[in-house]
Amino acid sequence: MAPGWPATLVDGDVRLRPLHRRDQNAWMLLRATNAAWLEPWDATSPVPQEGPRPSFSSFVRILAGQARAGTSLPFAVDYRGNLVGQLTVSSITYGSLRSASIGYWVSQHVAGKGIIPTAVALATDHCFTELRLHRIEINIRPENTPSLRVVGKLGLRDEGLRERFLHIGDEWCDHRTFAITTEEVPDGLLARWKASRSGV
């Protein structure tokens, strides 16, 4: 298996774990009920898809294959034992770069509870310790206020605007890049996040 996978990461009520086929009903319901909340930020392909969309089982199988290949860590996000979202570490690169990107979504009914900042901190620390990566980045549309609050809470550096960075809907959209390196969090990002919440 690839370094750092499979993995289950836990802090309090938040748990990251591999996505399974048995998550289908809960995952599909979350995506359906949160369509208006999530679709403005979902990356799309500029190339029209031919044939039917892949089934959920195929989706999970593709993610599992990427995890085994070491190019991605596809986590389900649980809160108090229930599936509430997804976090994926992607574009994992070793060599002289040792970097990756993190993307995520969470159900609107639990947004603002600190779930995604905790999940991002857990995943970042896992990448820094188990995968021995050096840098993590998160790319966010400037209009995505809830997601901007996540990186703000975690204290990630704003590295500026990437013009026409990702295809969303029918257009290429600008994104702001936020990043963190191991030197900035010698005790871990989760420890810094907890300290900021407690006012330490």
Protein backbone atom coordinates (compact mmCIF):
# COMPACT_ATOMS: atom_id res chain seq x y z
CA MET A 1 0.00 0.00 0.00
CA ALA A 2 0.99 3.64 -0.46
CA PRO A 3 2.53 5.56 2.47
CA GLY A 4 -0.05 6.76 4.96
CA TRP A 5 -2.95 4.76 3.52
CA PRO A 6 -5.39 3.42 4.55
CA ALA A 7 -5.74 5.74 7.52
CA THR A 8 -8.30 6.76 10.10
CA LEU A 9 -7.66 10.12 11.78
CA VAL A 10 -9.67 11.25 14.79
CA ASP A 11 -9.98 14.32 16.96
CA GLY A 12 -12.99 14.55 19.25
CA ASP A 13 -16.20 14.25 17.23
CA VAL A 14 -14.40 14.52 13.87
CA ARG A 15 -13.13 11.44 12.08
CA LEU A 16 -11.47 11.01 8.69
CA ARG A 17 -11.61 7.53 7.15
CA PRO A 18 -11.65 5.87 3.74
CA LEU A 19 -14.87 6.24 1.78
CA HIS A 20 -16.70 2.90 1.36
CA ARG A 21 -19.37 1.55 -0.99
CA ARG A 22 -21.72 1.25 1.99
CA ASP A 23 -21.63 5.09 2.26
CA GLN A 24 -23.62 5.35 -0.96
CA ASN A 25 -27.05 6.20 0.46
CA ALA A 26 -25.74 8.74 2.97
CA TRP A 27 -23.35 10.31 0.43
CA MET A 28 -26.01 10.58 -2.29
CA LEU A 29 -28.50 12.13 0.14
CA LEU A 30 -25.94 14.69 1.33
CA ARG A 31 -25.04 15.69 -2.21
CA ALA A 32 -28.72 15.98 -3.22
CA THR A 33 -29.81 18.04 -0.22
CA ASN A 34 -26.73 20.28 -0.48
CA ALA A 35 -26.76 20.78 -4.27
CA ALA A 36 -27.35 24.54 -4.14
CA TRP A 37 -24.76 24.90 -1.35
CA LEU A 38 -22.00 22.92 -3.13
CA GLU A 39 -22.41 23.17 -6.90
CA PRO A 40 -21.11 26.78 -7.26
CA TRP A 41 -17.71 25.52 -6.04
CA ASP A 42 -17.54 22.04 -7.62
CA ALA A 43 -14.82 21.63 -10.25
CA THR A 44 -16.08 20.36 -13.62
CA SER A 45 -14.54 19.09 -16.83
CA PRO A 46 -14.48 21.43 -19.82
CA VAL A 47 -14.74 18.36 -22.07
CA PRO A 48 -18.31 17.01 -22.44
CA GLN A 49 -18.69 13.57 -20.89
CA GLU A 50 -19.67 10.72 -23.13
CA GLY A 51 -21.92 7.98 -21.79
CA PRO A 52 -23.51 7.67 -18.35
CA ARG A 53 -21.91 9.05 -15.21
CA PRO A 54 -19.98 6.44 -13.19
CA SER A 55 -21.86 4.69 -10.40
CA PHE A 56 -21.02 5.38 -6.77
CA SER A 57 -19.27 1.99 -6.58
CA SER A 58 -17.13 2.95 -9.58
CA PHE A 59 -16.41 6.34 -7.97
CA VAL A 60 -15.20 4.65 -4.77
CA ARG A 61 -13.16 2.15 -6.77
CA ILE A 62 -11.45 4.96 -8.70
CA LEU A 63 -10.63 6.79 -5.47
CA ALA A 64 -9.29 3.61 -3.90
CA GLY A 65 -7.07 3.05 -6.92
CA GLN A 66 -5.66 6.56 -6.64
CA ALA A 67 -4.97 5.97 -2.95
CA ARG A 68 -3.16 2.72 -3.66
CA ALA A 69 -1.09 4.49 -6.31
CA GLY A 70 -0.11 7.14 -3.77
CA THR A 71 -1.50 10.08 -5.76
CA SER A 72 -4.50 10.84 -3.54
CA LEU A 73 -5.89 10.32 -0.03
CA PRO A 74 -9.72 10.30 -0.34
CA PHE A 75 -11.27 10.68 3.11
CA ALA A 76 -14.88 10.56 4.22
CA VAL A 77 -15.58 13.12 6.96
CA ASP A 78 -17.65 11.85 9.88
CA TYR A 79 -19.08 14.01 12.66
CA ARG A 80 -20.43 12.25 15.74
CA GLY A 81 -20.54 9.01 13.79
CA ASN A 82 -22.39 10.33 10.74
CA LEU A 83 -21.06 11.08 7.27
CA VAL A 84 -21.15 14.85 6.71
CA GLY A 85 -18.64 15.50 3.93
CA GLN A 86 -15.48 14.58 2.12
CA LEU A 87 -11.84 15.70 2.15
CA THR A 88 -9.33 14.70 -0.52
CA VAL A 89 -5.59 15.16 -0.51
CA SER A 90 -4.66 15.23 -4.20
CA SER A 91 -1.76 16.04 -6.53
CA ILE A 92 0.64 14.36 -4.11
CA THR A 93 4.14 15.01 -5.39
CA TYR A 94 7.41 13.74 -3.93
CA GLY A 95 10.96 14.45 -5.09
CA SER A 96 12.23 17.97 -4.49
CA LEU A 97 8.71 19.44 -4.14
CA ARG A 98 7.00 17.12 -1.63
CA SER A 99 3.65 18.89 -1.85
CA ALA A 100 -0.07 18.21 -2.13
CA SER A 101 -3.41 20.00 -2.41
CA ILE A 102 -6.44 19.62 -0.16
CA GLY A 103 -10.04 19.98 -1.27
CA TYR A 104 -13.18 19.45 0.80
CA TRP A 105 -16.91 19.85 1.12
CA VAL A 106 -19.26 19.61 4.09
CA SER A 107 -23.01 19.56 4.54
CA GLN A 108 -24.53 22.97 5.19
CA HIS A 109 -26.35 21.74 8.29
CA VAL A 110 -23.05 21.30 10.17
CA ALA A 111 -21.05 24.14 8.58
CA GLY A 112 -19.46 26.52 11.07
CA LYS A 113 -18.93 23.90 13.78
CA GLY A 114 -15.16 23.64 13.23
CA ILE A 115 -15.45 20.28 11.47
CA ILE A 116 -13.57 21.16 8.29
CA PRO A 117 -10.80 23.17 9.99
CA THR A 118 -10.24 20.16 12.25
CA ALA A 119 -10.35 17.78 9.26
CA VAL A 120 -7.87 19.90 7.28
CA ALA A 121 -5.55 20.07 10.29
CA LEU A 122 -5.72 16.29 10.78
CA ALA A 123 -5.01 15.62 7.10
CA THR A 124 -2.20 18.17 6.96
CA ASP A 125 -0.44 16.72 9.99
CA HIS A 126 -0.84 13.23 8.53
CA CYS A 127 0.77 14.39 5.28
CA PHE A 128 3.64 16.07 7.10
CA THR A 129 4.38 13.14 9.41
CA GLU A 130 3.41 9.95 7.55
CA LEU A 131 4.01 11.05 3.95
CA ARG A 132 6.83 13.42 4.92
CA LEU A 133 5.50 16.14 2.67
CA HIS A 134 6.75 19.70 3.03
CA ARG A 135 3.89 21.85 1.73
CA ILE A 136 0.09 21.75 1.60
CA GLU A 137 -2.02 24.13 -0.44
CA ILE A 138 -5.74 24.88 -0.69
CA ASN A 139 -7.23 26.72 -3.66
CA ILE A 140 -10.44 28.68 -3.09
CA ARG A 141 -12.64 30.87 -5.25
CA PRO A 142 -12.57 34.46 -3.96
CA GLU A 143 -16.37 34.40 -3.66
CA ASN A 144 -16.41 31.30 -1.44
CA THR A 145 -16.71 33.01 1.95
CA PRO A 146 -17.31 29.86 4.05
CA SER A 147 -14.19 28.19 2.65
CA LEU A 148 -12.13 31.35 3.12
CA ARG A 149 -13.11 31.24 6.79
CA VAL A 150 -11.58 27.74 7.05
CA VAL A 151 -8.11 28.82 5.94
CA GLY A 152 -8.44 32.00 7.99
CA LYS A 153 -9.12 30.01 11.15
CA LEU A 154 -6.12 27.78 10.43
CA GLY A 155 -3.80 30.68 9.62
CA LEU A 156 -2.72 29.53 6.16
CA ARG A 157 -0.72 32.02 4.09
CA ASP A 158 -2.47 33.76 1.21
CA GLU A 159 -0.14 33.27 -1.77
CA GLY A 160 -2.21 35.30 -4.19
CA LEU A 161 -4.59 34.90 -7.10
CA ARG A 162 -4.38 32.23 -9.78
CA GLU A 163 -6.32 33.47 -12.77
CA ARG A 164 -8.63 31.04 -14.57
CA PHE A 165 -7.27 28.23 -12.40
CA LEU A 166 -10.10 25.66 -12.38
CA HIS A 167 -13.08 24.94 -14.60
CA ILE A 168 -16.40 25.28 -12.73
CA GLY A 169 -19.76 25.16 -14.44
CA ASP A 170 -19.26 26.78 -17.83
CA GLU A 171 -16.17 28.89 -17.18
CA TRP A 172 -12.57 28.97 -16.00
CA CYS A 173 -12.58 30.53 -12.54
CA ASP A 174 -9.98 32.46 -10.57
CA HIS A 175 -8.84 30.98 -7.26
CA ARG A 176 -6.77 32.23 -4.36
CA THR A 177 -4.02 29.90 -3.16
CA PHE A 178 -3.39 29.36 0.55
CA ALA A 179 -0.48 27.26 1.79
CA ILE A 180 1.46 26.04 4.80
CA THR A 181 4.82 24.31 5.20
CA THR A 182 6.18 22.10 7.94
CA GLU A 183 8.42 24.87 9.31
CA GLU A 184 5.36 26.97 10.15
CA VAL A 185 3.80 24.35 12.42
CA PRO A 186 6.59 22.48 14.25
CA ASP A 187 4.03 21.10 16.73
CA GLY A 188 1.44 20.39 14.04
CA LEU A 189 -1.45 22.33 12.52
CA LEU A 190 -3.99 20.61 14.77
CA ALA A 191 -2.15 21.82 17.87
CA ARG A 192 -2.11 25.39 16.50
CA TRP A 193 -5.82 25.19 15.63
CA LYS A 194 -6.69 23.96 19.12
CA ALA A 195 -4.58 26.65 20.73
CA SER A 196 -6.32 29.36 18.70
CA ARG A 197 -9.73 28.03 19.75
CA SER A 198 -8.81 28.02 23.43
CA GLY A 199 -7.27 31.48 23.24
CA VAL A 200 -3.82 30.23 24.23
